[in-house]
Amino acid sequence: MTQVYYRDQALEAIARRVVKTHDAALLSSPRAIPIEEIIGTCGLEIDYQYIRNNGRILGETIFDDTLIPVYDKDNGQYSFISVRRGSIIIDASLLQPAKIGRLRFTMAHELAHWLIHQEIYTGTGESAAMLNKPLKSSEADAGLERQADRLACFLLMPTGQVKTAFYHNRNHADLTAAIANLFGVSRQAMDIRLKELRLV
């Protein structure tokens, strides 16, 4: 699989352009980026299914009209559903309130695949899938997943807004949790973001 290399600066510029195109006001103050709305603005559709019975796959981006297997919990078996190019399939297990951060990051990750990996996947019959636990994969596949993670990070936690939120909340008893809640991401994701920005 051919891989296109993106530096973080390029991925951050892509994220900024996508958010600004949707609503420039989103970049004026810290807030949760409406990732589901942005996905719709990009002409994509979200469908919630139990993708696998073990919850291993959290999301999948579809680049060609095809059939995909999904798990039917009621019948305890797999069935095939027809999906169209531009569909993002999200595992229905992420619809629990306690998993909102993981849900939003998975949506952003799948959108990232659509934004930067269409040329790689279109026409191959393959989809890009976000796994709950990474499997051993080729270096190229791992690189594509890292790129999607980085772009998802920049979409949901823009640098300027995270820095502003940090300085406005620096006296909060649980700073990381407060900012994570503001951006609608997991504490773990925000902790990583704050560390990479050298704010903590």
C-alpha atoms as a PDB file:
ATOM      1  CA  MET A   1       0.000   0.000   0.000  1.00  0.00           C
ATOM      2  CA  THR A   2       1.418   3.381  -1.016  1.00  0.00           C
ATOM      3  CA  GLN A   3       1.700   5.904   1.779  1.00  0.00           C
ATOM      4  CA  VAL A   4       1.653   9.680   1.540  1.00  0.00           C
ATOM      5  CA  TYR A   5       3.683  11.359   4.267  1.00  0.00           C
ATOM      6  CA  TYR A   6       2.301  14.400   6.056  1.00  0.00           C
ATOM      7  CA  ARG A   7       4.128  16.501   8.594  1.00  0.00           C
ATOM      8  CA  ASP A   8       2.200  17.605  11.662  1.00  0.00           C
ATOM      9  CA  GLN A   9       2.183  21.194  10.364  1.00  0.00           C
ATOM     10  CA  ALA A  10       0.437  20.053   7.173  1.00  0.00           C
ATOM     11  CA  LEU A  11      -2.116  17.990   9.111  1.00  0.00           C
ATOM     12  CA  GLU A  12      -2.787  20.901  11.446  1.00  0.00           C
ATOM     13  CA  ALA A  13      -3.331  23.195   8.455  1.00  0.00           C
ATOM     14  CA  ILE A  14      -5.808  20.704   6.971  1.00  0.00           C
ATOM     15  CA  ALA A  15      -7.698  20.517  10.281  1.00  0.00           C
ATOM     16  CA  ARG A  16      -7.809  24.286  10.591  1.00  0.00           C
ATOM     17  CA  ARG A  17      -9.124  24.660   7.031  1.00  0.00           C
ATOM     18  CA  VAL A  18     -11.847  22.041   7.575  1.00  0.00           C
ATOM     19  CA  VAL A  19     -13.032  23.588  10.856  1.00  0.00           C
ATOM     20  CA  LYS A  20     -12.851  27.143   9.485  1.00  0.00           C
ATOM     21  CA  THR A  21     -14.807  26.162   6.358  1.00  0.00           C
ATOM     22  CA  HIS A  22     -17.544  24.710   8.555  1.00  0.00           C
ATOM     23  CA  ASP A  23     -17.682  27.705  10.927  1.00  0.00           C
ATOM     24  CA  ALA A  24     -14.798  30.141  11.424  1.00  0.00           C
ATOM     25  CA  ALA A  25     -16.222  31.120  14.830  1.00  0.00           C
ATOM     26  CA  LEU A  26     -15.211  27.673  16.142  1.00  0.00           C
ATOM     27  CA  LEU A  27     -11.605  28.872  16.131  1.00  0.00           C
ATOM     28  CA  SER A  28     -12.322  32.019  18.135  1.00  0.00           C
ATOM     29  CA  SER A  29     -12.692  30.449  21.580  1.00  0.00           C
ATOM     30  CA  PRO A  30     -12.238  27.044  23.256  1.00  0.00           C
ATOM     31  CA  ARG A  31     -15.188  24.697  22.746  1.00  0.00           C
ATOM     32  CA  ALA A  32     -16.146  21.227  21.561  1.00  0.00           C
ATOM     33  CA  ILE A  33     -15.762  21.014  17.799  1.00  0.00           C
ATOM     34  CA  PRO A  34     -19.057  19.667  16.317  1.00  0.00           C
ATOM     35  CA  ILE A  35     -17.382  16.771  14.537  1.00  0.00           C
ATOM     36  CA  GLU A  36     -20.644  15.065  13.569  1.00  0.00           C
ATOM     37  CA  GLU A  37     -21.859  18.248  11.844  1.00  0.00           C
ATOM     38  CA  ILE A  38     -18.518  18.656  10.066  1.00  0.00           C
ATOM     39  CA  ILE A  39     -18.739  15.089   8.783  1.00  0.00           C
ATOM     40  CA  GLY A  40     -22.154  15.936   7.327  1.00  0.00           C
ATOM     41  CA  THR A  41     -20.803  19.150   5.784  1.00  0.00           C
ATOM     42  CA  CYS A  42     -18.126  17.057   4.068  1.00  0.00           C
ATOM     43  CA  GLY A  43     -20.925  15.066   2.395  1.00  0.00           C
ATOM     44  CA  LEU A  44     -20.426  11.929   4.463  1.00  0.00           C
ATOM     45  CA  GLU A  45     -23.023   9.831   6.274  1.00  0.00           C
ATOM     46  CA  ILE A  46     -22.633   8.197   9.681  1.00  0.00           C
ATOM     47  CA  ASP A  47     -24.193   4.813  10.389  1.00  0.00           C
ATOM     48  CA  TYR A  48     -24.104   3.070  13.766  1.00  0.00           C
ATOM     49  CA  GLN A  49     -23.706  -0.707  13.723  1.00  0.00           C
ATOM     50  CA  TYR A  50     -22.117  -3.341  15.894  1.00  0.00           C
ATOM     51  CA  ILE A  51     -19.167  -3.857  13.591  1.00  0.00           C
ATOM     52  CA  ARG A  52     -17.768  -6.954  15.344  1.00  0.00           C
ATOM     53  CA  ASN A  53     -19.040  -9.062  18.219  1.00  0.00           C
ATOM     54  CA  ASN A  54     -15.819  -8.468  20.194  1.00  0.00           C
ATOM     55  CA  GLY A  55     -15.784  -4.661  19.806  1.00  0.00           C
ATOM     56  CA  ARG A  56     -12.369  -4.786  18.152  1.00  0.00           C
ATOM     57  CA  ILE A  57     -13.277  -2.367  15.335  1.00  0.00           C
ATOM     58  CA  LEU A  58     -14.552   1.027  16.505  1.00  0.00           C
ATOM     59  CA  GLY A  59     -14.996   2.732  13.164  1.00  0.00           C
ATOM     60  CA  GLU A  60     -14.714   2.159   9.451  1.00  0.00           C
ATOM     61  CA  THR A  61     -14.560   4.534   6.474  1.00  0.00           C
ATOM     62  CA  ILE A  62     -16.032   3.275   3.205  1.00  0.00           C
ATOM     63  CA  PHE A  63     -14.394   4.418  -0.048  1.00  0.00           C
ATOM     64  CA  ASP A  64     -16.361   2.309  -2.560  1.00  0.00           C
ATOM     65  CA  ASP A  65     -19.966   1.087  -2.710  1.00  0.00           C
ATOM     66  CA  THR A  66     -19.813  -2.393  -1.201  1.00  0.00           C
ATOM     67  CA  LEU A  67     -21.206  -4.927   1.246  1.00  0.00           C
ATOM     68  CA  ILE A  68     -19.703  -5.149   4.734  1.00  0.00           C
ATOM     69  CA  PRO A  69     -20.249  -7.626   7.558  1.00  0.00           C
ATOM     70  CA  VAL A  70     -21.818  -6.333  10.789  1.00  0.00           C
ATOM     71  CA  TYR A  71     -22.801  -8.159  13.938  1.00  0.00           C
ATOM     72  CA  ASP A  72     -26.499  -8.628  14.669  1.00  0.00           C
ATOM     73  CA  LYS A  73     -26.666  -8.733  18.471  1.00  0.00           C
ATOM     74  CA  ASP A  74     -30.294  -9.843  18.514  1.00  0.00           C
ATOM     75  CA  ASN A  75     -29.594 -12.954  16.447  1.00  0.00           C
ATOM     76  CA  GLY A  76     -26.003 -13.483  17.586  1.00  0.00           C
ATOM     77  CA  GLN A  77     -24.662 -13.718  14.043  1.00  0.00           C
ATOM     78  CA  TYR A  78     -23.134 -11.675  11.259  1.00  0.00           C
ATOM     79  CA  SER A  79     -24.995 -10.319   8.282  1.00  0.00           C
ATOM     80  CA  PHE A  80     -23.998  -8.203   5.311  1.00  0.00           C
ATOM     81  CA  ILE A  81     -25.295  -4.685   4.758  1.00  0.00           C
ATOM     82  CA  SER A  82     -24.967  -2.529   1.679  1.00  0.00           C
ATOM     83  CA  VAL A  83     -22.963   0.666   2.234  1.00  0.00           C
ATOM     84  CA  ARG A  84     -22.206   3.547  -0.064  1.00  0.00           C
ATOM     85  CA  ARG A  85     -18.983   5.376  -0.720  1.00  0.00           C
ATOM     86  CA  GLY A  86     -18.680   8.170   1.836  1.00  0.00           C
ATOM     87  CA  SER A  87     -20.173   6.200   4.714  1.00  0.00           C
ATOM     88  CA  ILE A  88     -18.570   6.212   8.133  1.00  0.00           C
ATOM     89  CA  ILE A  89     -19.585   3.222  10.203  1.00  0.00           C
ATOM     90  CA  ILE A  90     -19.265   3.743  13.961  1.00  0.00           C
ATOM     91  CA  ASP A  91     -19.534   0.878  16.423  1.00  0.00           C
ATOM     92  CA  ALA A  92     -22.827   1.238  18.294  1.00  0.00           C
ATOM     93  CA  SER A  93     -21.122   0.368  21.591  1.00  0.00           C
ATOM     94  CA  LEU A  94     -19.663   3.909  21.569  1.00  0.00           C
ATOM     95  CA  LEU A  95     -23.121   5.446  21.986  1.00  0.00           C
ATOM     96  CA  GLN A  96     -22.902   5.010  25.770  1.00  0.00           C
ATOM     97  CA  PRO A  97     -22.630   8.387  27.573  1.00  0.00           C
ATOM     98  CA  ALA A  98     -19.409   7.322  29.315  1.00  0.00           C
ATOM     99  CA  LYS A  99     -17.749   6.809  25.901  1.00  0.00           C
ATOM    100  CA  ILE A 100     -18.458  10.231  24.381  1.00  0.00           C
ATOM    101  CA  GLY A 101     -14.766  11.121  24.146  1.00  0.00           C
ATOM    102  CA  ARG A 102     -13.932   7.846  22.387  1.00  0.00           C
ATOM    103  CA  LEU A 103     -16.964   8.291  20.091  1.00  0.00           C
ATOM    104  CA  ARG A 104     -15.905  11.782  19.026  1.00  0.00           C
ATOM    105  CA  PHE A 105     -12.283  10.765  18.501  1.00  0.00           C
ATOM    106  CA  THR A 106     -13.351   7.771  16.409  1.00  0.00           C
ATOM    107  CA  MET A 107     -15.529  10.035  14.241  1.00  0.00           C
ATOM    108  CA  ALA A 108     -12.634  12.461  13.781  1.00  0.00           C
ATOM    109  CA  HIS A 109     -10.234   9.607  13.006  1.00  0.00           C
ATOM    110  CA  GLU A 110     -12.543   8.234  10.306  1.00  0.00           C
ATOM    111  CA  LEU A 111     -13.094  11.698   8.839  1.00  0.00           C
ATOM    112  CA  ALA A 112      -9.309  12.078   8.737  1.00  0.00           C
ATOM    113  CA  HIS A 113      -9.014   8.939   6.613  1.00  0.00           C
ATOM    114  CA  TRP A 114     -11.536  10.424   4.198  1.00  0.00           C
ATOM    115  CA  LEU A 115      -9.729  13.753   4.014  1.00  0.00           C
ATOM    116  CA  ILE A 116      -6.202  12.473   3.413  1.00  0.00           C
ATOM    117  CA  HIS A 117      -6.363   8.829   2.307  1.00  0.00           C
ATOM    118  CA  GLN A 118      -9.001   8.691  -0.442  1.00  0.00           C
ATOM    119  CA  GLU A 119      -6.456   8.208  -3.203  1.00  0.00           C
ATOM    120  CA  ILE A 120      -4.919   5.282  -1.347  1.00  0.00           C
ATOM    121  CA  TYR A 121      -8.157   3.378  -0.648  1.00  0.00           C
ATOM    122  CA  THR A 122     -10.540   4.300  -3.494  1.00  0.00           C
ATOM    123  CA  GLY A 123     -10.897   1.468  -5.969  1.00  0.00           C
ATOM    124  CA  THR A 124      -9.147  -1.098  -3.777  1.00  0.00           C
ATOM    125  CA  GLY A 125     -12.269  -2.553  -2.167  1.00  0.00           C
ATOM    126  CA  GLU A 126     -10.645  -1.940   1.229  1.00  0.00           C
ATOM    127  CA  SER A 127     -11.919   0.278   4.008  1.00  0.00           C
ATOM    128  CA  ALA A 128      -9.970   2.148   6.656  1.00  0.00           C
ATOM    129  CA  ALA A 129     -10.788   0.770  10.102  1.00  0.00           C
ATOM    130  CA  MET A 130      -9.980   2.087  13.567  1.00  0.00           C
ATOM    131  CA  LEU A 131      -9.173  -0.769  15.908  1.00  0.00           C
ATOM    132  CA  ASN A 132      -9.797  -0.786  19.648  1.00  0.00           C
ATOM    133  CA  LYS A 133      -6.529  -2.687  20.142  1.00  0.00           C
ATOM    134  CA  PRO A 134      -3.915  -2.367  17.398  1.00  0.00           C
ATOM    135  CA  LEU A 135      -2.925  -5.540  15.604  1.00  0.00           C
ATOM    136  CA  LYS A 136       0.430  -6.219  14.050  1.00  0.00           C
ATOM    137  CA  SER A 137       0.257  -4.590  10.646  1.00  0.00           C
ATOM    138  CA  SER A 138       2.524  -3.370   7.914  1.00  0.00           C
ATOM    139  CA  GLU A 139       4.541  -0.226   8.514  1.00  0.00           C
ATOM    140  CA  ALA A 140       2.484   1.521   5.818  1.00  0.00           C
ATOM    141  CA  ASP A 141      -0.825   0.603   7.502  1.00  0.00           C
ATOM    142  CA  ALA A 142       0.493   1.716  10.888  1.00  0.00           C
ATOM    143  CA  GLY A 143       1.630   4.982   9.315  1.00  0.00           C
ATOM    144  CA  LEU A 144      -1.813   5.652   7.860  1.00  0.00           C
ATOM    145  CA  GLU A 145      -3.398   5.047  11.269  1.00  0.00           C
ATOM    146  CA  ARG A 146      -0.918   7.411  12.954  1.00  0.00           C
ATOM    147  CA  GLN A 147      -1.734  10.099  10.389  1.00  0.00           C
ATOM    148  CA  ALA A 148      -5.469   9.684  10.995  1.00  0.00           C
ATOM    149  CA  ASP A 149      -4.890   9.897  14.762  1.00  0.00           C
ATOM    150  CA  ARG A 150      -2.830  13.080  14.385  1.00  0.00           C
ATOM    151  CA  LEU A 151      -5.375  14.756  12.129  1.00  0.00           C
ATOM    152  CA  ALA A 152      -8.186  13.728  14.509  1.00  0.00           C
ATOM    153  CA  CYS A 153      -6.235  15.310  17.360  1.00  0.00           C
ATOM    154  CA  PHE A 154      -5.850  18.586  15.457  1.00  0.00           C
ATOM    155  CA  LEU A 155      -9.529  18.595  14.440  1.00  0.00           C
ATOM    156  CA  LEU A 156     -10.823  18.130  17.989  1.00  0.00           C
ATOM    157  CA  MET A 157      -8.137  20.008  19.933  1.00  0.00           C
ATOM    158  CA  PRO A 158      -6.862  22.981  17.895  1.00  0.00           C
ATOM    159  CA  THR A 159      -3.588  24.326  19.273  1.00  0.00           C
ATOM    160  CA  GLY A 160      -4.692  27.909  19.876  1.00  0.00           C
ATOM    161  CA  GLN A 161      -7.924  26.918  21.571  1.00  0.00           C
ATOM    162  CA  VAL A 162      -6.207  24.352  23.813  1.00  0.00           C
ATOM    163  CA  LYS A 163      -3.618  26.924  24.898  1.00  0.00           C
ATOM    164  CA  THR A 164      -6.321  29.493  25.622  1.00  0.00           C
ATOM    165  CA  ALA A 165      -8.328  26.951  27.621  1.00  0.00           C
ATOM    166  CA  PHE A 166      -5.210  25.972  29.565  1.00  0.00           C
ATOM    167  CA  TYR A 167      -4.469  29.542  30.633  1.00  0.00           C
ATOM    168  CA  HIS A 168      -8.103  30.287  31.484  1.00  0.00           C
ATOM    169  CA  ASN A 169      -8.386  27.138  33.620  1.00  0.00           C
ATOM    170  CA  ARG A 170      -4.867  26.852  35.068  1.00  0.00           C
ATOM    171  CA  ASN A 171      -6.130  27.278  38.650  1.00  0.00           C
ATOM    172  CA  HIS A 172      -8.704  24.492  38.296  1.00  0.00           C
ATOM    173  CA  ALA A 173      -8.236  21.625  40.763  1.00  0.00           C
ATOM    174  CA  ASP A 174      -8.303  19.072  37.933  1.00  0.00           C
ATOM    175  CA  LEU A 175      -7.049  21.035  34.947  1.00  0.00           C
ATOM    176  CA  THR A 176      -6.836  18.145  32.479  1.00  0.00           C
ATOM    177  CA  ALA A 177     -10.364  16.922  33.214  1.00  0.00           C
ATOM    178  CA  ALA A 178     -11.790  20.447  32.963  1.00  0.00           C
ATOM    179  CA  ILE A 179     -10.247  21.082  29.551  1.00  0.00           C
ATOM    180  CA  ALA A 180     -11.089  17.586  28.294  1.00  0.00           C
ATOM    181  CA  ASN A 181     -14.724  18.185  29.256  1.00  0.00           C
ATOM    182  CA  LEU A 182     -14.704  21.564  27.490  1.00  0.00           C
ATOM    183  CA  PHE A 183     -13.474  19.984  24.234  1.00  0.00           C
ATOM    184  CA  GLY A 184     -15.580  16.814  24.526  1.00  0.00           C
ATOM    185  CA  VAL A 185     -12.569  14.493  24.457  1.00  0.00           C
ATOM    186  CA  SER A 186     -11.255  11.854  26.823  1.00  0.00           C
ATOM    187  CA  ARG A 187      -8.986  12.796  29.689  1.00  0.00           C
ATOM    188  CA  GLN A 188      -6.292  10.586  28.158  1.00  0.00           C
ATOM    189  CA  ALA A 189      -6.462  12.384  24.795  1.00  0.00           C
ATOM    190  CA  MET A 190      -6.255  15.800  26.455  1.00  0.00           C
ATOM    191  CA  ASP A 191      -3.404  14.716  28.707  1.00  0.00           C
ATOM    192  CA  ILE A 192      -1.407  13.669  25.629  1.00  0.00           C
ATOM    193  CA  ARG A 193      -2.255  16.943  23.862  1.00  0.00           C
ATOM    194  CA  LEU A 194      -1.232  19.111  26.830  1.00  0.00           C
ATOM    195  CA  LYS A 195       2.051  17.254  27.146  1.00  0.00           C
ATOM    196  CA  GLU A 196       2.918  17.572  23.467  1.00  0.00           C
ATOM    197  CA  LEU A 197       2.200  21.310  23.685  1.00  0.00           C
ATOM    198  CA  ARG A 198       4.469  21.394  26.786  1.00  0.00           C
ATOM    199  CA  LEU A 199       1.719  22.894  28.902  1.00  0.00           C
ATOM    200  CA  VAL A 200       2.054  20.274  31.661  1.00  0.00           C
END
